[in-house]
Amino acid sequence: MVKTFRFARLPLIYFGKGKISELPGLVKLYGTSILLVTGRSSFMNSFHSKNLLSRLRDEGIRYEHAIIPIEPSPALIDDAVSSFSTFKPDVVVAVGGGSVMDGGKAISAMIPLAAPVTDFLEGVGNKEHPGTKLPFIAVPTTSGTGSEATKNAVIARTGKNGFKRSLRHDNFVPDIAVVDPELTLDCPPEITAAAGLDCFTQLTEAYLSDISSPYTDALAIEGLKALKSSIEISYRDGYNFEARAGMSFAALTSGICLANAGLGVVHGFASSVGGLYNIPHGVICGTLMAPSNALNVKKLRKISGDFFLRKYTTLGKIFLEKEGETDDFYIDGFVRYVQKLTEDLKLPGLRNYGIHEQNIEEICKITEIKNNPVKLSADDLTEILKMRL
């Protein structure tokens, strides 16, 4: 019997080499003025940017430019909304990594309201967003968060009493996602590694989620197969287009999966740690994925969690590529594979970002876990963090 499930809407997806060239025509579906949201310099200094801006001018499309240089904060979003509301863009286009896409998503949602974004953040604000927004087009230049396919924008205020929370509504799913792997070719190795392991985490946690469905399981497996054949090659040889395309597909798929199946303990830490410390989201996920899965397996074996252990067996078969072995061989082999990948991609420990033993209790107190395959105690969370100091 197929269990009940809910599946969120998807953007109109354009995937493939050279799809960025279709962006001006897609913009004109909504009007002739855009707010272009990018990072500090990487895209704007590329030949892709020069071609895009030339095409926009040729098509008679007016644009203003907003910069999201870091993970978007409430102040950054509020300032952008205030600065560009009088421009009255017909559409918001975000070209960049996950932070840029989240920033563009939030700006498109807040311009119609002209109100502080904090008022509408989950667990922080006390107002419900009505879902009104400007049309929004997401164009990823990294392969990580899958924000081009999700309905939430992550907003962070870092430091004491900090938070990392979502602005969320079904209507915030991008209207169009343009996924062109060519835009990821210049992504540096350290960002490729962190983003790739974030993608790996999202696919794995969605597959293991206690609210996954046959649809999300099927998508997650295909995303994981693409990631297996691509992540290490794209890290070592950034200009290998086939590997970059595989990672672009995996990241897009991870966004679809997390939007419909939720995530587990690693992303619980991403929220708590990311609110307190200035650590890139992908680094938190990447560095904690191996110990989190090791502890999940340990706990599942204690309670005879056969359903999820069978899923871990499937993960092992995908990544070990061996036949005829025992379930324990595949399960333990998957955990070792993730541990080795973390080392090979040189993910730093948490101590590098100012986290020490005395900070662990504070982190664990505010870490929420929603869809992990097994319940974890405060002691379990402490064990995970200590393993990656």
Protein backbone atom coordinates (compact mmCIF):
# COMPACT_ATOMS: atom_id res chain seq x y z
CA MET A 1 0.00 0.00 0.00
CA VAL A 2 1.31 3.44 -0.96
CA LYS A 3 1.31 5.80 2.01
CA THR A 4 -0.32 9.21 1.80
CA PHE A 5 1.84 12.17 0.83
CA ARG A 6 1.75 15.78 -0.34
CA PHE A 7 3.87 17.09 -3.18
CA ALA A 8 4.60 20.81 -3.58
CA ARG A 9 4.49 22.73 -6.83
CA LEU A 10 7.61 22.98 -8.97
CA PRO A 11 9.02 25.89 -10.94
CA LEU A 12 9.08 25.81 -14.71
CA ILE A 13 12.54 24.29 -15.14
CA TYR A 14 14.97 25.01 -17.98
CA PHE A 15 17.98 22.71 -17.57
CA GLY A 16 21.03 22.40 -19.79
CA LYS A 17 24.07 23.93 -21.39
CA GLY A 18 23.53 27.48 -22.63
CA LYS A 19 20.08 27.92 -21.07
CA ILE A 20 21.19 31.27 -19.60
CA SER A 21 20.75 32.64 -23.13
CA GLU A 22 16.99 32.18 -22.78
CA LEU A 23 16.76 34.44 -19.75
CA PRO A 24 15.92 37.74 -21.54
CA GLY A 25 13.04 36.06 -23.34
CA LEU A 26 11.77 34.58 -20.08
CA VAL A 27 11.96 37.98 -18.39
CA LYS A 28 9.74 39.44 -21.11
CA LEU A 29 6.99 37.01 -20.10
CA TYR A 30 6.52 39.31 -17.10
CA GLY A 31 7.50 42.76 -18.33
CA THR A 32 10.43 44.96 -19.27
CA SER A 33 12.04 45.87 -15.95
CA ILE A 34 13.94 43.58 -13.60
CA LEU A 35 15.75 43.69 -10.32
CA LEU A 36 18.90 41.63 -10.89
CA VAL A 37 20.20 40.09 -7.67
CA THR A 38 23.76 38.70 -7.63
CA GLY A 39 26.67 38.08 -5.31
CA ARG A 40 29.51 40.50 -4.81
CA SER A 41 31.53 39.91 -7.97
CA SER A 42 31.90 36.36 -9.33
CA PHE A 43 29.01 36.42 -11.78
CA MET A 44 29.24 40.13 -12.57
CA ASN A 45 32.90 39.72 -13.60
CA SER A 46 32.15 36.78 -15.90
CA PHE A 47 31.55 36.77 -19.64
CA HIS A 48 28.10 35.33 -18.91
CA SER A 49 27.20 38.58 -17.15
CA LYS A 50 28.48 40.73 -19.99
CA ASN A 51 26.45 38.71 -22.51
CA LEU A 52 23.33 38.83 -20.34
CA LEU A 53 23.46 42.58 -19.72
CA SER A 54 24.07 43.23 -23.42
CA ARG A 55 21.07 41.09 -24.33
CA LEU A 56 18.88 42.85 -21.77
CA ARG A 57 19.78 46.23 -23.26
CA ASP A 58 19.14 44.94 -26.78
CA GLU A 59 15.70 43.68 -25.69
CA GLY A 60 14.83 47.04 -24.11
CA ILE A 61 14.75 45.58 -20.61
CA ARG A 62 15.59 48.00 -17.81
CA TYR A 63 17.39 46.67 -14.76
CA GLU A 64 18.64 47.68 -11.35
CA HIS A 65 21.25 45.66 -9.48
CA ALA A 66 21.11 44.39 -5.87
CA ILE A 67 24.04 42.63 -4.22
CA ILE A 68 23.78 39.84 -1.64
CA PRO A 69 27.43 39.47 -0.54
CA ILE A 70 26.80 37.05 2.35
CA GLU A 71 24.02 34.87 3.74
CA PRO A 72 21.03 37.24 3.74
CA SER A 73 20.24 38.97 7.03
CA PRO A 74 17.01 40.78 7.88
CA ALA A 75 18.81 44.11 7.55
CA LEU A 76 20.13 43.21 4.11
CA ILE A 77 16.66 42.23 2.87
CA ASP A 78 14.94 45.26 4.41
CA ASP A 79 17.53 47.62 2.91
CA ALA A 80 17.09 46.11 -0.54
CA VAL A 81 13.31 46.32 -0.33
CA SER A 82 13.54 49.97 0.72
CA SER A 83 16.08 50.82 -1.98
CA PHE A 84 14.31 49.21 -4.93
CA SER A 85 10.61 49.53 -4.17
CA THR A 86 10.37 52.81 -6.08
CA PHE A 87 11.94 51.14 -9.13
CA LYS A 88 8.86 48.87 -9.30
CA PRO A 89 10.46 45.93 -11.13
CA ASP A 90 8.22 43.58 -13.08
CA VAL A 91 10.31 40.56 -12.04
CA VAL A 92 13.16 39.69 -9.70
CA VAL A 93 15.99 37.59 -11.16
CA ALA A 94 18.57 36.05 -8.80
CA VAL A 95 21.80 34.72 -10.33
CA GLY A 96 24.17 33.17 -7.81
CA GLY A 97 24.61 30.64 -5.05
CA GLY A 98 22.09 29.65 -2.42
CA SER A 99 22.43 32.89 -0.45
CA VAL A 100 21.77 34.98 -3.55
CA MET A 101 18.74 32.91 -4.53
CA ASP A 102 17.36 33.06 -0.99
CA GLY A 103 17.97 36.81 -0.94
CA GLY A 104 16.22 37.33 -4.26
CA LYS A 105 13.34 35.12 -3.16
CA ALA A 106 12.89 37.15 0.02
CA ILE A 107 13.11 40.48 -1.82
CA SER A 108 10.46 39.37 -4.33
CA ALA A 109 8.22 38.41 -1.40
CA MET A 110 8.74 41.55 0.66
CA ILE A 111 8.58 44.36 -1.92
CA PRO A 112 4.76 44.07 -2.18
CA LEU A 113 4.42 44.34 1.63
CA ALA A 114 7.10 46.94 2.41
CA ALA A 115 7.36 45.53 5.93
CA PRO A 116 10.26 44.12 8.01
CA VAL A 117 11.03 40.57 6.93
CA THR A 118 11.63 39.52 10.55
CA ASP A 119 7.90 39.87 11.24
CA PHE A 120 7.22 36.91 8.92
CA LEU A 121 10.06 34.51 9.77
CA GLU A 122 9.17 31.11 11.21
CA GLY A 123 9.85 30.93 14.93
CA VAL A 124 10.83 34.61 15.08
CA GLY A 125 8.01 36.77 13.75
CA ASN A 126 4.34 36.78 14.66
CA LYS A 127 2.76 37.45 11.28
CA GLU A 128 1.73 35.14 8.46
CA HIS A 129 2.84 36.17 4.98
CA PRO A 130 -0.10 36.39 2.54
CA GLY A 131 2.00 34.91 -0.27
CA THR A 132 1.95 37.95 -2.52
CA LYS A 133 5.21 38.42 -4.41
CA LEU A 134 6.80 39.69 -7.57
CA PRO A 135 7.49 37.06 -10.23
CA PHE A 136 10.81 35.41 -9.40
CA ILE A 137 13.38 33.64 -11.60
CA ALA A 138 16.21 31.67 -9.95
CA VAL A 139 19.48 30.97 -11.74
CA PRO A 140 21.98 28.95 -9.66
CA THR A 141 25.74 29.32 -10.13
CA THR A 142 26.67 26.67 -7.54
CA SER A 143 25.43 23.12 -7.00
CA GLY A 144 24.28 22.98 -3.40
CA THR A 145 21.15 24.32 -1.77
CA GLY A 146 18.57 23.59 -4.46
CA SER A 147 16.91 26.91 -3.56
CA GLU A 148 15.84 27.18 -7.20
CA ALA A 149 13.15 24.59 -6.42
CA THR A 150 12.07 25.40 -2.86
CA LYS A 151 9.41 27.57 -1.24
CA ASN A 152 11.56 29.00 1.54
CA ALA A 153 14.25 31.64 1.84
CA VAL A 154 16.70 31.20 4.72
CA ILE A 155 17.42 34.45 6.58
CA ALA A 156 20.11 34.64 9.28
CA ARG A 157 21.16 37.03 12.00
CA THR A 158 24.46 35.78 13.41
CA GLY A 159 25.69 36.20 16.97
CA LYS A 160 24.31 36.12 20.49
CA ASN A 161 20.54 35.55 20.29
CA GLY A 162 21.07 34.98 16.58
CA PHE A 163 18.85 32.85 14.40
CA LYS A 164 18.66 31.16 11.04
CA ARG A 165 15.03 30.87 10.00
CA SER A 166 12.88 30.58 6.89
CA LEU A 167 10.52 32.94 5.16
CA ARG A 168 8.16 30.35 3.74
CA HIS A 169 5.03 30.14 1.59
CA ASP A 170 3.88 27.83 -1.19
CA ASN A 171 3.82 30.82 -3.54
CA PHE A 172 7.53 31.49 -2.99
CA VAL A 173 8.60 28.59 -5.20
CA PRO A 174 10.39 30.33 -8.08
CA ASP A 175 8.22 30.83 -11.12
CA ILE A 176 11.11 29.73 -13.33
CA ALA A 177 14.40 27.97 -12.59
CA VAL A 178 17.13 28.30 -15.21
CA VAL A 179 19.78 25.67 -14.41
CA ASP A 180 22.77 26.07 -16.71
CA PRO A 181 25.76 23.97 -15.61
CA GLU A 182 28.10 26.27 -17.54
CA LEU A 183 27.56 28.88 -14.84
CA THR A 184 29.19 26.56 -12.27
CA LEU A 185 32.45 25.94 -14.15
CA ASP A 186 34.33 28.75 -12.38
CA CYS A 187 33.16 27.78 -8.91
CA PRO A 188 36.31 27.39 -6.74
CA PRO A 189 37.15 24.01 -5.17
CA GLU A 190 36.33 24.97 -1.57
CA ILE A 191 32.84 26.19 -2.52
CA THR A 192 32.37 23.21 -4.84
CA ALA A 193 33.15 20.92 -1.88
CA ALA A 194 30.90 22.65 0.67
CA ALA A 195 28.00 23.07 -1.75
CA GLY A 196 28.37 19.50 -3.01
CA LEU A 197 28.25 18.05 0.49
CA ASP A 198 25.24 20.23 1.31
CA CYS A 199 23.55 18.71 -1.75
CA PHE A 200 24.65 15.21 -0.65
CA THR A 201 23.22 15.86 2.82
CA GLN A 202 19.90 17.10 1.46
CA LEU A 203 19.42 14.10 -0.81
CA THR A 204 20.39 11.67 1.95
CA GLU A 205 18.29 13.30 4.67
CA ALA A 206 15.25 13.58 2.41
CA TYR A 207 15.61 9.90 1.45
CA LEU A 208 15.86 8.91 5.13
CA SER A 209 13.13 11.31 6.28
CA ASP A 210 10.23 9.93 8.27
CA ILE A 211 7.84 11.73 5.88
CA SER A 212 9.45 10.70 2.60
CA SER A 213 7.24 9.32 -0.17
CA PRO A 214 7.73 7.03 -3.17
CA TYR A 215 8.13 10.14 -5.33
CA THR A 216 10.82 11.74 -3.18
CA ASP A 217 12.60 8.41 -2.73
CA ALA A 218 12.77 7.87 -6.49
CA LEU A 219 14.05 11.40 -7.09
CA ALA A 220 16.57 11.20 -4.25
CA ILE A 221 18.03 7.96 -5.59
CA GLU A 222 18.50 9.46 -9.06
CA GLY A 223 20.07 12.57 -7.54
CA LEU A 224 22.43 10.46 -5.43
CA LYS A 225 23.50 8.42 -8.47
CA ALA A 226 24.34 11.64 -10.32
CA LEU A 227 26.22 12.97 -7.31
CA LYS A 228 28.21 9.76 -6.90
CA SER A 229 29.59 10.03 -10.42
CA SER A 230 30.22 13.78 -10.25
CA ILE A 231 31.15 15.23 -6.87
CA GLU A 232 34.81 14.23 -6.66
CA ILE A 233 35.48 14.96 -10.34
CA SER A 234 33.92 18.42 -10.14
CA TYR A 235 36.09 19.16 -7.08
CA ARG A 236 39.33 18.04 -8.76
CA ASP A 237 38.53 19.28 -12.28
CA GLY A 238 36.12 22.20 -12.15
CA TYR A 239 35.98 22.52 -15.93
CA ASN A 240 34.71 19.00 -16.47
CA PHE A 241 31.30 19.89 -17.88
CA GLU A 242 29.80 16.42 -17.52
CA ALA A 243 30.61 16.36 -13.79
CA ARG A 244 29.30 19.89 -13.33
CA ALA A 245 26.08 18.96 -15.11
CA GLY A 246 25.69 15.94 -12.83
CA MET A 247 26.07 18.13 -9.77
CA SER A 248 23.63 20.73 -11.13
CA PHE A 249 21.06 17.97 -11.62
CA ALA A 250 21.75 16.57 -8.13
CA ALA A 251 21.36 19.99 -6.50
CA LEU A 252 18.10 20.75 -8.31
CA THR A 253 16.80 17.33 -7.33
CA SER A 254 17.87 17.85 -3.71
CA GLY A 255 15.79 21.03 -3.57
CA ILE A 256 12.72 19.21 -4.86
CA CYS A 257 13.26 16.40 -2.35
CA LEU A 258 13.79 18.58 0.71
CA ALA A 259 10.75 20.68 -0.16
CA ASN A 260 8.61 17.56 -0.03
CA ALA A 261 10.29 15.26 2.49
CA GLY A 262 11.99 17.56 4.96
CA LEU A 263 15.47 17.15 6.43
CA GLY A 264 17.14 15.66 9.50
CA VAL A 265 19.67 16.31 12.23
CA VAL A 266 22.38 17.85 10.05
CA HIS A 267 20.09 20.66 8.96
CA GLY A 268 18.89 21.04 12.53
CA PHE A 269 22.49 21.89 13.35
CA ALA A 270 22.75 24.12 10.27
CA SER A 271 20.03 26.30 11.75
CA SER A 272 21.34 26.47 15.32
CA VAL A 273 25.06 26.67 14.55
CA GLY A 274 24.47 29.04 11.63
CA GLY A 275 22.54 31.42 13.86
CA LEU A 276 25.29 31.62 16.47
CA TYR A 277 28.43 31.49 14.34
CA ASN A 278 29.52 32.89 11.02
CA ILE A 279 30.00 29.57 9.26
CA PRO A 280 28.93 28.90 5.64
CA HIS A 281 25.87 26.68 5.48
CA GLY A 282 27.55 24.13 3.25
CA VAL A 283 30.50 23.79 5.61
CA ILE A 284 28.22 23.03 8.57
CA CYS A 285 26.36 20.37 6.59
CA GLY A 286 29.45 18.89 5.01
CA THR A 287 31.48 18.60 8.18
CA LEU A 288 28.62 17.08 10.22
CA MET A 289 27.22 14.64 7.69
CA ALA A 290 29.53 11.71 8.47
CA PRO A 291 29.17 11.67 12.29
CA SER A 292 25.42 12.29 12.04
CA ASN A 293 24.89 9.27 9.80
CA ALA A 294 27.20 7.14 11.93
CA LEU A 295 25.10 7.95 15.00
CA ASN A 296 21.81 7.42 13.14
CA VAL A 297 22.94 3.92 12.20
CA LYS A 298 24.12 3.17 15.74
CA LYS A 299 20.75 4.22 17.20
CA LEU A 300 18.71 2.43 14.54
CA ARG A 301 20.52 -0.82 15.24
CA LYS A 302 19.68 -0.50 18.93
CA ILE A 303 15.95 -0.16 18.25
CA SER A 304 15.83 -2.56 15.29
CA GLY A 305 14.87 0.22 12.89
CA ASP A 306 14.78 -2.16 9.95
CA PHE A 307 12.88 0.12 7.55
CA PHE A 308 15.51 2.86 7.68
CA LEU A 309 18.40 0.40 7.89
CA ARG A 310 17.21 -1.05 4.58
CA LYS A 311 17.43 2.46 3.16
CA TYR A 312 20.99 2.75 4.43
CA THR A 313 21.67 -0.56 2.67
CA THR A 314 20.41 0.99 -0.58
CA LEU A 315 22.69 3.99 -0.05
CA GLY A 316 25.64 1.65 0.40
CA LYS A 317 24.85 -0.19 -2.81
CA ILE A 318 24.78 3.11 -4.72
CA PHE A 319 28.10 4.40 -3.40
CA LEU A 320 30.13 1.20 -2.97
CA GLU A 321 29.15 -0.34 -6.32
CA LYS A 322 29.65 -3.92 -5.12
CA GLU A 323 27.24 -6.80 -5.42
CA GLY A 324 26.45 -9.79 -3.26
CA GLU A 325 27.53 -8.35 0.09
CA THR A 326 25.66 -8.30 3.40
CA ASP A 327 23.42 -5.48 4.55
CA ASP A 328 25.89 -4.56 7.30
CA PHE A 329 28.67 -4.33 4.71
CA TYR A 330 26.67 -1.77 2.72
CA ILE A 331 25.50 0.18 5.76
CA ASP A 332 28.92 0.50 7.36
CA GLY A 333 30.53 1.05 3.99
CA PHE A 334 28.26 4.01 3.28
CA VAL A 335 29.22 5.64 6.58
CA ARG A 336 32.92 5.08 5.83
CA TYR A 337 32.44 6.47 2.32
CA VAL A 338 30.99 9.71 3.71
CA GLN A 339 33.81 9.95 6.26
CA LYS A 340 36.46 9.54 3.56
CA LEU A 341 34.71 11.99 1.22
CA THR A 342 34.69 14.60 3.99
CA GLU A 343 38.46 14.13 4.34
CA ASP A 344 39.11 14.10 0.60
CA LEU A 345 37.17 17.33 0.08
CA LYS A 346 39.01 18.91 3.02
CA LEU A 347 36.00 20.03 5.01
CA PRO A 348 37.24 21.93 8.08
CA GLY A 349 36.30 21.15 11.66
CA LEU A 350 34.07 23.42 13.72
CA ARG A 351 36.94 24.61 15.93
CA ASN A 352 38.25 26.56 12.95
CA TYR A 353 35.19 28.81 13.31
CA GLY A 354 35.46 29.45 17.03
CA ILE A 355 33.35 26.58 18.39
CA HIS A 356 34.80 24.81 21.44
CA GLU A 357 33.68 22.21 23.96
CA GLN A 358 32.16 24.85 26.24
CA ASN A 359 29.86 26.02 23.41
CA ILE A 360 28.31 22.64 22.67
CA GLU A 361 25.61 22.69 25.35
CA GLU A 362 24.29 26.05 24.15
CA ILE A 363 24.11 24.76 20.56
CA CYS A 364 22.32 21.55 21.51
CA LYS A 365 19.69 23.39 23.55
CA ILE A 366 18.43 25.26 20.49
CA THR A 367 18.86 22.51 17.87
CA GLU A 368 15.53 21.32 16.47
CA ILE A 369 15.25 17.99 14.66
CA LYS A 370 12.13 17.42 12.57
CA ASN A 371 12.37 14.49 10.17
CA ASN A 372 15.35 12.43 11.28
CA PRO A 373 14.86 8.65 10.93
CA VAL A 374 15.52 8.13 14.66
CA LYS A 375 15.10 10.25 17.79
CA LEU A 376 18.31 11.73 19.16
CA SER A 377 18.97 12.92 22.71
CA ALA A 378 21.00 15.91 23.86
CA ASP A 379 23.85 13.50 24.57
CA ASP A 380 23.63 12.23 20.99
CA LEU A 381 23.82 15.76 19.62
CA THR A 382 26.79 16.46 21.84
CA GLU A 383 28.55 13.37 20.51
CA ILE A 384 28.05 14.47 16.91
CA LEU A 385 29.49 17.93 17.52
CA LYS A 386 32.49 16.63 19.49
CA MET A 387 33.39 14.33 16.61
CA ARG A 388 33.85 17.36 14.30
CA LEU A 389 35.51 19.91 16.53
